[in-house]
Amino acid sequence: MFGLFKKKEAPKPSPSSESSAVKSFAADFSPEELDILAVTGPSGFGAVQQEDTGLWEASIGLTAWMEEDSPEIHQEEIGLVSLCDDTLRSYLRQRVPPDFIIKFRARLSLDGKRLLMVDLPQPAFDPDLKAILEEQKKPESTYVDGLGTFVLNRQVGWYEAEVDWLEGTVRLDFDKGEAEAMKAAQNTARALLSDAQSWDQRVRTFAAEQLTDLANQWAQDGEEADEAPEEITPQDFMGRMELDAIQVDDQGGFTFWFEDGEMFWGHSIRVSGTLAGGPDDAQMEG
């Protein structure tokens, strides 16, 4: 694996063809360059494309880091960032995995919340960081009275479990956070589960009201010109929706996720709302 990091195969750590954009991006960072050892987080690599330059703002979440010549370990979340072209973005996505120890040169942002990549990350080892990494990777779960045992999905930062819903089961999840916030989200879940039949009907009905016309447009687009597609009625729409997951929050909010029954060629259906107001938004997603 380490052989993949050969210098002759590696792209430059910043796209020189867009030097003005890179300089502007780097202006928020200290000029001092530091040699860093760090632990990557569970979420791994992400990137957002900038509309004005076409470059990518890449970010790799770190959960612990230290200067190579200092024993002090910083155990707060911080992002390792870079402005990338397509080549560098692809390289980082493939070569910097989650839950890993890396070494790199970087500049610390003026607010202390980000590190700007100066050279390409390499695999590394440090016994103290290794201990932090092993602790980070341990499974984490919590028992919730009346709902069951929830396991932390470390990649997205939420607790999830399979719970009973009508005649089947559904994945239920809530964000990891402060104890009171999680307790409030759990109460939202209990309220939905205690009246599952009614909430299931309300959510499906609202989705059908909002999206049946769109489903028929998609059906027409998918048929041959000389064939008239069979019309999808609101009742058909509701029946073809397949519940996949429910997300709840500490403000009484919920989001139901459905598989689309191929009405939108495999996209998801999302219905959001609150306990107080009911469903208020339905969209085709993905």
C-alpha atoms as a PDB file:
ATOM      1  CA  MET A   1       0.000   0.000   0.000  1.00  0.00           C
ATOM      2  CA  PHE A   2       2.759   2.418   0.921  1.00  0.00           C
ATOM      3  CA  GLY A   3       4.179   2.005  -2.554  1.00  0.00           C
ATOM      4  CA  LEU A   4       1.216   3.938  -3.915  1.00  0.00           C
ATOM      5  CA  PHE A   5       2.751   7.096  -2.468  1.00  0.00           C
ATOM      6  CA  LYS A   6       5.781   7.182  -4.771  1.00  0.00           C
ATOM      7  CA  LYS A   7       6.650  10.794  -5.481  1.00  0.00           C
ATOM      8  CA  LYS A   8       6.922  10.313  -9.219  1.00  0.00           C
ATOM      9  CA  GLU A   9       3.264   9.254  -9.336  1.00  0.00           C
ATOM     10  CA  ALA A  10       1.915  11.998  -7.084  1.00  0.00           C
ATOM     11  CA  PRO A  11       0.301  15.244  -8.258  1.00  0.00           C
ATOM     12  CA  LYS A  12       1.300  18.613  -6.869  1.00  0.00           C
ATOM     13  CA  PRO A  13      -0.381  19.549  -3.569  1.00  0.00           C
ATOM     14  CA  SER A  14      -2.024  22.606  -5.143  1.00  0.00           C
ATOM     15  CA  PRO A  15      -2.999  23.414  -8.769  1.00  0.00           C
ATOM     16  CA  SER A  16      -0.384  25.891 -10.016  1.00  0.00           C
ATOM     17  CA  SER A  17      -2.529  26.789 -13.039  1.00  0.00           C
ATOM     18  CA  GLU A  18      -4.889  28.627 -10.684  1.00  0.00           C
ATOM     19  CA  SER A  19      -2.255  30.397  -8.560  1.00  0.00           C
ATOM     20  CA  SER A  20      -4.406  33.466  -7.874  1.00  0.00           C
ATOM     21  CA  ALA A  21      -7.233  31.324  -6.512  1.00  0.00           C
ATOM     22  CA  VAL A  22      -4.776  29.322  -4.417  1.00  0.00           C
ATOM     23  CA  LYS A  23      -3.195  32.482  -2.997  1.00  0.00           C
ATOM     24  CA  SER A  24      -6.597  33.856  -2.084  1.00  0.00           C
ATOM     25  CA  PHE A  25      -7.569  30.586  -0.419  1.00  0.00           C
ATOM     26  CA  ALA A  26      -4.291  30.503   1.547  1.00  0.00           C
ATOM     27  CA  ALA A  27      -4.612  34.053   2.836  1.00  0.00           C
ATOM     28  CA  ASP A  28      -6.450  32.892   5.970  1.00  0.00           C
ATOM     29  CA  PHE A  29      -3.522  30.727   7.080  1.00  0.00           C
ATOM     30  CA  SER A  30      -0.296  31.472   8.935  1.00  0.00           C
ATOM     31  CA  PRO A  31       2.804  31.475   6.704  1.00  0.00           C
ATOM     32  CA  GLU A  32       4.646  29.138   9.109  1.00  0.00           C
ATOM     33  CA  GLU A  33       4.878  25.556   7.838  1.00  0.00           C
ATOM     34  CA  LEU A  34       4.572  22.729  10.368  1.00  0.00           C
ATOM     35  CA  ASP A  35       5.432  19.029  10.096  1.00  0.00           C
ATOM     36  CA  ILE A  36       2.289  17.264  11.332  1.00  0.00           C
ATOM     37  CA  LEU A  37       1.288  13.746  12.364  1.00  0.00           C
ATOM     38  CA  ALA A  38      -2.468  13.192  12.560  1.00  0.00           C
ATOM     39  CA  VAL A  39      -5.315  10.690  12.879  1.00  0.00           C
ATOM     40  CA  THR A  40      -7.960  10.879  10.166  1.00  0.00           C
ATOM     41  CA  GLY A  41     -11.587  10.709  11.268  1.00  0.00           C
ATOM     42  CA  PRO A  42     -14.245   8.155  10.345  1.00  0.00           C
ATOM     43  CA  SER A  43     -15.902  10.281   7.660  1.00  0.00           C
ATOM     44  CA  GLY A  44     -12.884  10.407   5.387  1.00  0.00           C
ATOM     45  CA  PHE A  45     -12.430  12.715   2.414  1.00  0.00           C
ATOM     46  CA  GLY A  46     -14.913  15.240   1.050  1.00  0.00           C
ATOM     47  CA  ALA A  47     -14.822  17.953  -1.611  1.00  0.00           C
ATOM     48  CA  VAL A  48     -17.045  20.803  -2.843  1.00  0.00           C
ATOM     49  CA  GLN A  49     -16.516  22.371  -6.249  1.00  0.00           C
ATOM     50  CA  GLN A  50     -16.184  26.153  -6.485  1.00  0.00           C
ATOM     51  CA  GLU A  51     -18.343  27.687  -9.196  1.00  0.00           C
ATOM     52  CA  ASP A  52     -16.000  30.561 -10.055  1.00  0.00           C
ATOM     53  CA  THR A  53     -12.765  28.580 -10.553  1.00  0.00           C
ATOM     54  CA  GLY A  54     -13.919  25.010 -11.183  1.00  0.00           C
ATOM     55  CA  LEU A  55     -11.483  23.871  -8.484  1.00  0.00           C
ATOM     56  CA  TRP A  56     -12.415  21.680  -5.543  1.00  0.00           C
ATOM     57  CA  GLU A  57     -12.191  22.672  -1.887  1.00  0.00           C
ATOM     58  CA  ALA A  58     -11.124  19.377  -0.359  1.00  0.00           C
ATOM     59  CA  SER A  59     -11.319  18.551   3.341  1.00  0.00           C
ATOM     60  CA  ILE A  60     -10.136  15.587   5.399  1.00  0.00           C
ATOM     61  CA  GLY A  61     -11.424  15.442   8.967  1.00  0.00           C
ATOM     62  CA  LEU A  62      -8.763  14.904  11.636  1.00  0.00           C
ATOM     63  CA  THR A  63      -9.556  13.840  15.202  1.00  0.00           C
ATOM     64  CA  ALA A  64      -6.069  14.242  16.727  1.00  0.00           C
ATOM     65  CA  TRP A  65      -2.836  15.866  15.585  1.00  0.00           C
ATOM     66  CA  MET A  66       0.612  16.829  16.809  1.00  0.00           C
ATOM     67  CA  GLU A  67       3.693  18.585  15.524  1.00  0.00           C
ATOM     68  CA  GLU A  68       6.369  16.060  14.703  1.00  0.00           C
ATOM     69  CA  ASP A  69       8.905  17.604  17.089  1.00  0.00           C
ATOM     70  CA  SER A  70       6.459  18.196  19.974  1.00  0.00           C
ATOM     71  CA  PRO A  71       4.894  15.718  22.439  1.00  0.00           C
ATOM     72  CA  GLU A  72       1.669  17.753  22.730  1.00  0.00           C
ATOM     73  CA  ILE A  73      -1.348  16.073  21.122  1.00  0.00           C
ATOM     74  CA  HIS A  74      -4.369  18.143  20.124  1.00  0.00           C
ATOM     75  CA  GLN A  75      -7.538  16.049  20.391  1.00  0.00           C
ATOM     76  CA  GLU A  76     -10.115  18.307  18.827  1.00  0.00           C
ATOM     77  CA  GLU A  77     -11.688  17.898  15.415  1.00  0.00           C
ATOM     78  CA  ILE A  78      -9.953  19.943  12.726  1.00  0.00           C
ATOM     79  CA  GLY A  79     -10.013  19.873   8.931  1.00  0.00           C
ATOM     80  CA  LEU A  80      -7.015  19.358   6.658  1.00  0.00           C
ATOM     81  CA  VAL A  81      -7.939  21.387   3.582  1.00  0.00           C
ATOM     82  CA  SER A  82      -6.620  22.089   0.101  1.00  0.00           C
ATOM     83  CA  LEU A  83      -7.734  23.681  -3.136  1.00  0.00           C
ATOM     84  CA  CYS A  84      -7.610  20.892  -5.729  1.00  0.00           C
ATOM     85  CA  ASP A  85      -7.882  20.230  -9.407  1.00  0.00           C
ATOM     86  CA  ASP A  86      -9.464  16.947 -10.546  1.00  0.00           C
ATOM     87  CA  THR A  87      -6.156  15.052 -10.428  1.00  0.00           C
ATOM     88  CA  LEU A  88      -5.350  16.006  -6.851  1.00  0.00           C
ATOM     89  CA  ARG A  89      -8.916  15.425  -5.708  1.00  0.00           C
ATOM     90  CA  SER A  90      -8.867  11.891  -7.118  1.00  0.00           C
ATOM     91  CA  TYR A  91      -5.467  11.245  -5.542  1.00  0.00           C
ATOM     92  CA  LEU A  92      -6.552  12.335  -2.067  1.00  0.00           C
ATOM     93  CA  ARG A  93      -9.821  10.390  -2.254  1.00  0.00           C
ATOM     94  CA  GLN A  94      -7.937   7.189  -3.035  1.00  0.00           C
ATOM     95  CA  ARG A  95      -4.827   7.633  -0.878  1.00  0.00           C
ATOM     96  CA  VAL A  96      -6.053   9.183   2.389  1.00  0.00           C
ATOM     97  CA  PRO A  97      -8.494   6.725   4.002  1.00  0.00           C
ATOM     98  CA  PRO A  98     -10.561   7.252   7.146  1.00  0.00           C
ATOM     99  CA  ASP A  99      -9.259   5.905  10.497  1.00  0.00           C
ATOM    100  CA  PHE A 100      -5.622   6.217   9.498  1.00  0.00           C
ATOM    101  CA  ILE A 101      -2.401   7.920  10.654  1.00  0.00           C
ATOM    102  CA  ILE A 102      -0.781  10.321   8.194  1.00  0.00           C
ATOM    103  CA  LYS A 103       2.161  12.715   8.058  1.00  0.00           C
ATOM    104  CA  PHE A 104       2.189  15.965   6.116  1.00  0.00           C
ATOM    105  CA  ARG A 105       3.391  19.569   6.076  1.00  0.00           C
ATOM    106  CA  ALA A 106       0.740  22.220   6.687  1.00  0.00           C
ATOM    107  CA  ARG A 107      -0.051  25.781   7.729  1.00  0.00           C
ATOM    108  CA  LEU A 108      -2.438  26.457  10.621  1.00  0.00           C
ATOM    109  CA  SER A 109      -5.347  28.821   9.947  1.00  0.00           C
ATOM    110  CA  LEU A 110      -5.421  32.127  11.778  1.00  0.00           C
ATOM    111  CA  ASP A 111      -8.472  30.989  13.768  1.00  0.00           C
ATOM    112  CA  GLY A 112      -6.829  27.639  14.614  1.00  0.00           C
ATOM    113  CA  LYS A 113      -9.662  25.574  13.111  1.00  0.00           C
ATOM    114  CA  ARG A 114      -8.081  24.289   9.867  1.00  0.00           C
ATOM    115  CA  LEU A 115      -4.767  23.087   8.474  1.00  0.00           C
ATOM    116  CA  LEU A 116      -3.771  23.978   4.911  1.00  0.00           C
ATOM    117  CA  MET A 117      -2.005  21.140   3.104  1.00  0.00           C
ATOM    118  CA  VAL A 118       1.436  22.129   1.823  1.00  0.00           C
ATOM    119  CA  ASP A 119       2.670  18.710   0.666  1.00  0.00           C
ATOM    120  CA  LEU A 120       0.980  15.381   0.066  1.00  0.00           C
ATOM    121  CA  PRO A 121       0.051  13.211   3.086  1.00  0.00           C
ATOM    122  CA  GLN A 122       2.032  10.030   3.630  1.00  0.00           C
ATOM    123  CA  PRO A 123       1.279   6.984   5.843  1.00  0.00           C
ATOM    124  CA  ALA A 124       2.892   7.344   9.277  1.00  0.00           C
ATOM    125  CA  PHE A 125       3.067   5.808  12.740  1.00  0.00           C
ATOM    126  CA  ASP A 126       3.180   7.129  16.292  1.00  0.00           C
ATOM    127  CA  PRO A 127       2.391   4.956  19.339  1.00  0.00           C
ATOM    128  CA  ASP A 128       0.349   7.637  21.097  1.00  0.00           C
ATOM    129  CA  LEU A 129      -1.682   8.411  18.001  1.00  0.00           C
ATOM    130  CA  LYS A 130      -2.108   4.669  17.416  1.00  0.00           C
ATOM    131  CA  ALA A 131      -3.691   4.331  20.871  1.00  0.00           C
ATOM    132  CA  ILE A 132      -6.062   7.205  20.078  1.00  0.00           C
ATOM    133  CA  LEU A 133      -6.962   5.595  16.757  1.00  0.00           C
ATOM    134  CA  GLU A 134      -7.733   2.224  18.359  1.00  0.00           C
ATOM    135  CA  GLU A 135      -9.981   3.895  20.921  1.00  0.00           C
ATOM    136  CA  GLN A 136     -11.670   5.874  18.140  1.00  0.00           C
ATOM    137  CA  LYS A 137     -12.525   2.692  16.220  1.00  0.00           C
ATOM    138  CA  LYS A 138     -14.227   0.902  19.121  1.00  0.00           C
ATOM    139  CA  PRO A 139     -17.974   0.277  18.581  1.00  0.00           C
ATOM    140  CA  GLU A 140     -20.231   2.602  20.555  1.00  0.00           C
ATOM    141  CA  SER A 141     -23.835   1.865  21.481  1.00  0.00           C
ATOM    142  CA  THR A 142     -26.543   3.146  23.792  1.00  0.00           C
ATOM    143  CA  TYR A 143     -29.733   1.560  25.117  1.00  0.00           C
ATOM    144  CA  VAL A 144     -32.879   3.689  24.869  1.00  0.00           C
ATOM    145  CA  ASP A 145     -35.827   2.658  27.003  1.00  0.00           C
ATOM    146  CA  GLY A 146     -38.780   1.620  24.867  1.00  0.00           C
ATOM    147  CA  LEU A 147     -36.807   1.841  21.613  1.00  0.00           C
ATOM    148  CA  GLY A 148     -33.919  -0.612  21.940  1.00  0.00           C
ATOM    149  CA  THR A 149     -30.160  -0.541  21.454  1.00  0.00           C
ATOM    150  CA  PHE A 150     -28.735   2.042  19.070  1.00  0.00           C
ATOM    151  CA  VAL A 151     -25.275   1.734  17.508  1.00  0.00           C
ATOM    152  CA  LEU A 152     -23.255   4.794  16.550  1.00  0.00           C
ATOM    153  CA  ASN A 153     -22.685   5.097  12.818  1.00  0.00           C
ATOM    154  CA  ARG A 154     -19.311   6.840  13.044  1.00  0.00           C
ATOM    155  CA  GLN A 155     -19.211   7.921   9.404  1.00  0.00           C
ATOM    156  CA  VAL A 156     -22.296  10.120   9.694  1.00  0.00           C
ATOM    157  CA  GLY A 157     -22.329  10.815  13.444  1.00  0.00           C
ATOM    158  CA  TRP A 158     -25.718   9.390  14.360  1.00  0.00           C
ATOM    159  CA  TYR A 159     -27.115   6.517  16.401  1.00  0.00           C
ATOM    160  CA  GLU A 160     -29.262   4.011  14.503  1.00  0.00           C
ATOM    161  CA  ALA A 161     -31.357   0.913  15.204  1.00  0.00           C
ATOM    162  CA  GLU A 162     -33.982  -1.254  13.555  1.00  0.00           C
ATOM    163  CA  VAL A 163     -37.360  -0.699  15.238  1.00  0.00           C
ATOM    164  CA  ASP A 164     -40.844  -2.117  14.683  1.00  0.00           C
ATOM    165  CA  TRP A 165     -43.060  -0.115  12.335  1.00  0.00           C
ATOM    166  CA  LEU A 166     -46.529  -1.425  11.466  1.00  0.00           C
ATOM    167  CA  GLU A 167     -46.029  -4.920  10.017  1.00  0.00           C
ATOM    168  CA  GLY A 168     -42.292  -4.589   9.487  1.00  0.00           C
ATOM    169  CA  THR A 169     -39.197  -2.753  10.686  1.00  0.00           C
ATOM    170  CA  VAL A 170     -37.510   0.514   9.805  1.00  0.00           C
ATOM    171  CA  ARG A 171     -34.146   2.094  10.532  1.00  0.00           C
ATOM    172  CA  LEU A 172     -34.513   4.869  13.103  1.00  0.00           C
ATOM    173  CA  ASP A 173     -31.713   7.346  13.753  1.00  0.00           C
ATOM    174  CA  PHE A 174     -30.901  10.483  15.714  1.00  0.00           C
ATOM    175  CA  ASP A 175     -27.762  12.621  15.865  1.00  0.00           C
ATOM    176  CA  LYS A 176     -25.090  12.100  18.499  1.00  0.00           C
ATOM    177  CA  GLY A 177     -25.006  15.184  20.702  1.00  0.00           C
ATOM    178  CA  GLU A 178     -25.649  16.512  24.168  1.00  0.00           C
ATOM    179  CA  ALA A 179     -27.605  14.170  26.435  1.00  0.00           C
ATOM    180  CA  GLU A 180     -30.660  16.451  26.656  1.00  0.00           C
ATOM    181  CA  ALA A 181     -30.801  16.894  22.877  1.00  0.00           C
ATOM    182  CA  MET A 182     -30.640  13.136  22.296  1.00  0.00           C
ATOM    183  CA  LYS A 183     -33.335  12.570  24.935  1.00  0.00           C
ATOM    184  CA  ALA A 184     -35.603  15.072  23.162  1.00  0.00           C
ATOM    185  CA  ALA A 185     -35.000  13.355  19.810  1.00  0.00           C
ATOM    186  CA  GLN A 186     -35.853  10.006  21.390  1.00  0.00           C
ATOM    187  CA  ASN A 187     -39.138  11.492  22.615  1.00  0.00           C
ATOM    188  CA  THR A 188     -39.888  12.534  19.033  1.00  0.00           C
ATOM    189  CA  ALA A 189     -39.340   8.931  17.982  1.00  0.00           C
ATOM    190  CA  ARG A 190     -41.627   7.601  20.725  1.00  0.00           C
ATOM    191  CA  ALA A 191     -44.393   9.953  19.618  1.00  0.00           C
ATOM    192  CA  LEU A 192     -44.168   8.694  16.026  1.00  0.00           C
ATOM    193  CA  LEU A 193     -44.017   5.037  17.024  1.00  0.00           C
ATOM    194  CA  SER A 194     -46.959   5.317  19.414  1.00  0.00           C
ATOM    195  CA  ASP A 195     -49.211   6.353  16.515  1.00  0.00           C
ATOM    196  CA  ALA A 196     -47.409   4.716  13.605  1.00  0.00           C
ATOM    197  CA  GLN A 197     -50.537   3.944  11.572  1.00  0.00           C
ATOM    198  CA  SER A 198     -51.684   7.550  11.552  1.00  0.00           C
ATOM    199  CA  TRP A 199     -48.246   9.032  10.842  1.00  0.00           C
ATOM    200  CA  ASP A 200     -47.553   6.543   8.063  1.00  0.00           C
ATOM    201  CA  GLN A 201     -50.830   7.486   6.368  1.00  0.00           C
ATOM    202  CA  ARG A 202     -50.284  11.240   6.799  1.00  0.00           C
ATOM    203  CA  VAL A 203     -46.770  11.133   5.402  1.00  0.00           C
ATOM    204  CA  ARG A 204     -47.698   8.984   2.402  1.00  0.00           C
ATOM    205  CA  THR A 205     -50.766  11.083   1.625  1.00  0.00           C
ATOM    206  CA  PHE A 206     -48.771  14.300   1.723  1.00  0.00           C
ATOM    207  CA  ALA A 207     -46.065  12.827  -0.530  1.00  0.00           C
ATOM    208  CA  ALA A 208     -48.662  11.671  -3.043  1.00  0.00           C
ATOM    209  CA  GLU A 209     -50.311  15.110  -3.079  1.00  0.00           C
ATOM    210  CA  GLN A 210     -46.976  16.794  -3.765  1.00  0.00           C
ATOM    211  CA  LEU A 211     -45.285  14.347  -6.124  1.00  0.00           C
ATOM    212  CA  THR A 212     -47.807  12.266  -8.105  1.00  0.00           C
ATOM    213  CA  ASP A 213     -47.854  14.739 -11.008  1.00  0.00           C
ATOM    214  CA  LEU A 214     -44.070  14.685 -11.120  1.00  0.00           C
ATOM    215  CA  ALA A 215     -44.072  10.872 -11.122  1.00  0.00           C
ATOM    216  CA  ASN A 216     -46.383  10.887 -14.148  1.00  0.00           C
ATOM    217  CA  GLN A 217     -44.077  13.315 -15.943  1.00  0.00           C
ATOM    218  CA  TRP A 218     -41.158  10.964 -15.298  1.00  0.00           C
ATOM    219  CA  ALA A 219     -43.263   8.040 -16.555  1.00  0.00           C
ATOM    220  CA  GLN A 220     -43.966   9.897 -19.805  1.00  0.00           C
ATOM    221  CA  ASP A 221     -40.291  10.731 -20.269  1.00  0.00           C
ATOM    222  CA  GLY A 222     -39.378   7.085 -19.803  1.00  0.00           C
ATOM    223  CA  GLU A 223     -41.794   5.672 -22.395  1.00  0.00           C
ATOM    224  CA  GLU A 224     -41.342   5.324 -26.143  1.00  0.00           C
ATOM    225  CA  ALA A 225     -42.966   8.115 -28.158  1.00  0.00           C
ATOM    226  CA  ASP A 226     -45.722   5.849 -29.510  1.00  0.00           C
ATOM    227  CA  GLU A 227     -46.641   4.364 -26.131  1.00  0.00           C
ATOM    228  CA  ALA A 228     -48.835   6.061 -23.537  1.00  0.00           C
ATOM    229  CA  PRO A 229     -47.710   5.228 -19.988  1.00  0.00           C
ATOM    230  CA  GLU A 230     -50.239   3.998 -17.488  1.00  0.00           C
ATOM    231  CA  GLU A 231     -51.272   6.854 -15.221  1.00  0.00           C
ATOM    232  CA  ILE A 232     -50.029   6.746 -11.644  1.00  0.00           C
ATOM    233  CA  THR A 233     -52.823   7.679  -9.246  1.00  0.00           C
ATOM    234  CA  PRO A 234     -52.219   9.090  -5.755  1.00  0.00           C
ATOM    235  CA  GLN A 235     -53.254   5.726  -4.336  1.00  0.00           C
ATOM    236  CA  ASP A 236     -50.784   3.944  -6.622  1.00  0.00           C
ATOM    237  CA  PHE A 237     -48.076   6.392  -5.544  1.00  0.00           C
ATOM    238  CA  MET A 238     -48.677   5.732  -1.847  1.00  0.00           C
ATOM    239  CA  GLY A 239     -48.631   1.976  -2.371  1.00  0.00           C
ATOM    240  CA  ARG A 240     -45.367   1.985  -4.290  1.00  0.00           C
ATOM    241  CA  MET A 241     -43.476   3.985  -1.656  1.00  0.00           C
ATOM    242  CA  GLU A 242     -41.280   1.672   0.457  1.00  0.00           C
ATOM    243  CA  LEU A 243     -40.253   3.073   3.845  1.00  0.00           C
ATOM    244  CA  ASP A 244     -36.490   2.840   4.390  1.00  0.00           C
ATOM    245  CA  ALA A 245     -35.599   5.080   7.347  1.00  0.00           C
ATOM    246  CA  ILE A 246     -36.877   7.689   9.786  1.00  0.00           C
ATOM    247  CA  GLN A 247     -34.689  10.449  11.198  1.00  0.00           C
ATOM    248  CA  VAL A 248     -35.778  12.413  14.273  1.00  0.00           C
ATOM    249  CA  ASP A 249     -34.433  15.512  16.003  1.00  0.00           C
ATOM    250  CA  ASP A 250     -34.671  17.332  19.318  1.00  0.00           C
ATOM    251  CA  GLN A 251     -37.129  19.955  18.016  1.00  0.00           C
ATOM    252  CA  GLY A 252     -39.908  17.500  17.252  1.00  0.00           C
ATOM    253  CA  GLY A 253     -38.823  17.262  13.648  1.00  0.00           C
ATOM    254  CA  PHE A 254     -38.777  14.140  11.494  1.00  0.00           C
ATOM    255  CA  THR A 255     -37.708  13.018   8.037  1.00  0.00           C
ATOM    256  CA  PHE A 256     -39.100   9.876   6.411  1.00  0.00           C
ATOM    257  CA  TRP A 257     -37.031   8.325   3.611  1.00  0.00           C
ATOM    258  CA  PHE A 258     -38.693   6.030   1.068  1.00  0.00           C
ATOM    259  CA  GLU A 259     -37.514   3.966  -1.851  1.00  0.00           C
ATOM    260  CA  ASP A 260     -39.452   5.196  -4.872  1.00  0.00           C
ATOM    261  CA  GLY A 261     -40.803   1.944  -6.335  1.00  0.00           C
ATOM    262  CA  GLU A 262     -39.029   2.943  -9.596  1.00  0.00           C
ATOM    263  CA  MET A 263     -41.377   5.926 -10.085  1.00  0.00           C
ATOM    264  CA  PHE A 264     -38.305   8.187 -10.193  1.00  0.00           C
ATOM    265  CA  TRP A 265     -35.932   5.606 -11.688  1.00  0.00           C
ATOM    266  CA  GLY A 266     -34.438   4.611  -8.352  1.00  0.00           C
ATOM    267  CA  HIS A 267     -34.214   7.981  -6.615  1.00  0.00           C
ATOM    268  CA  SER A 268     -35.349   8.433  -3.013  1.00  0.00           C
ATOM    269  CA  ILE A 269     -38.439  10.190  -1.705  1.00  0.00           C
ATOM    270  CA  ARG A 270     -37.967  12.439   1.325  1.00  0.00           C
ATOM    271  CA  VAL A 271     -40.833  13.728   3.480  1.00  0.00           C
ATOM    272  CA  SER A 272     -40.075  16.113   6.353  1.00  0.00           C
ATOM    273  CA  GLY A 273     -42.161  17.818   9.008  1.00  0.00           C
ATOM    274  CA  THR A 274     -42.787  18.224  12.720  1.00  0.00           C
ATOM    275  CA  LEU A 275     -44.967  16.603  15.346  1.00  0.00           C
ATOM    276  CA  ALA A 276     -46.774  19.896  15.845  1.00  0.00           C
ATOM    277  CA  GLY A 277     -47.368  20.757  12.208  1.00  0.00           C
ATOM    278  CA  GLY A 278     -47.312  17.417  10.429  1.00  0.00           C
ATOM    279  CA  PRO A 279     -45.533  16.803   7.104  1.00  0.00           C
ATOM    280  CA  ASP A 280     -44.665  20.032   5.311  1.00  0.00           C
ATOM    281  CA  ASP A 281     -42.123  19.172   2.592  1.00  0.00           C
ATOM    282  CA  ALA A 282     -41.800  16.311   0.095  1.00  0.00           C
ATOM    283  CA  GLN A 283     -39.059  15.966  -2.484  1.00  0.00           C
ATOM    284  CA  MET A 284     -37.515  13.498  -4.889  1.00  0.00           C
ATOM    285  CA  GLU A 285     -33.853  13.189  -3.859  1.00  0.00           C
ATOM    286  CA  GLY A 286     -30.621  11.761  -5.214  1.00  0.00           C
END
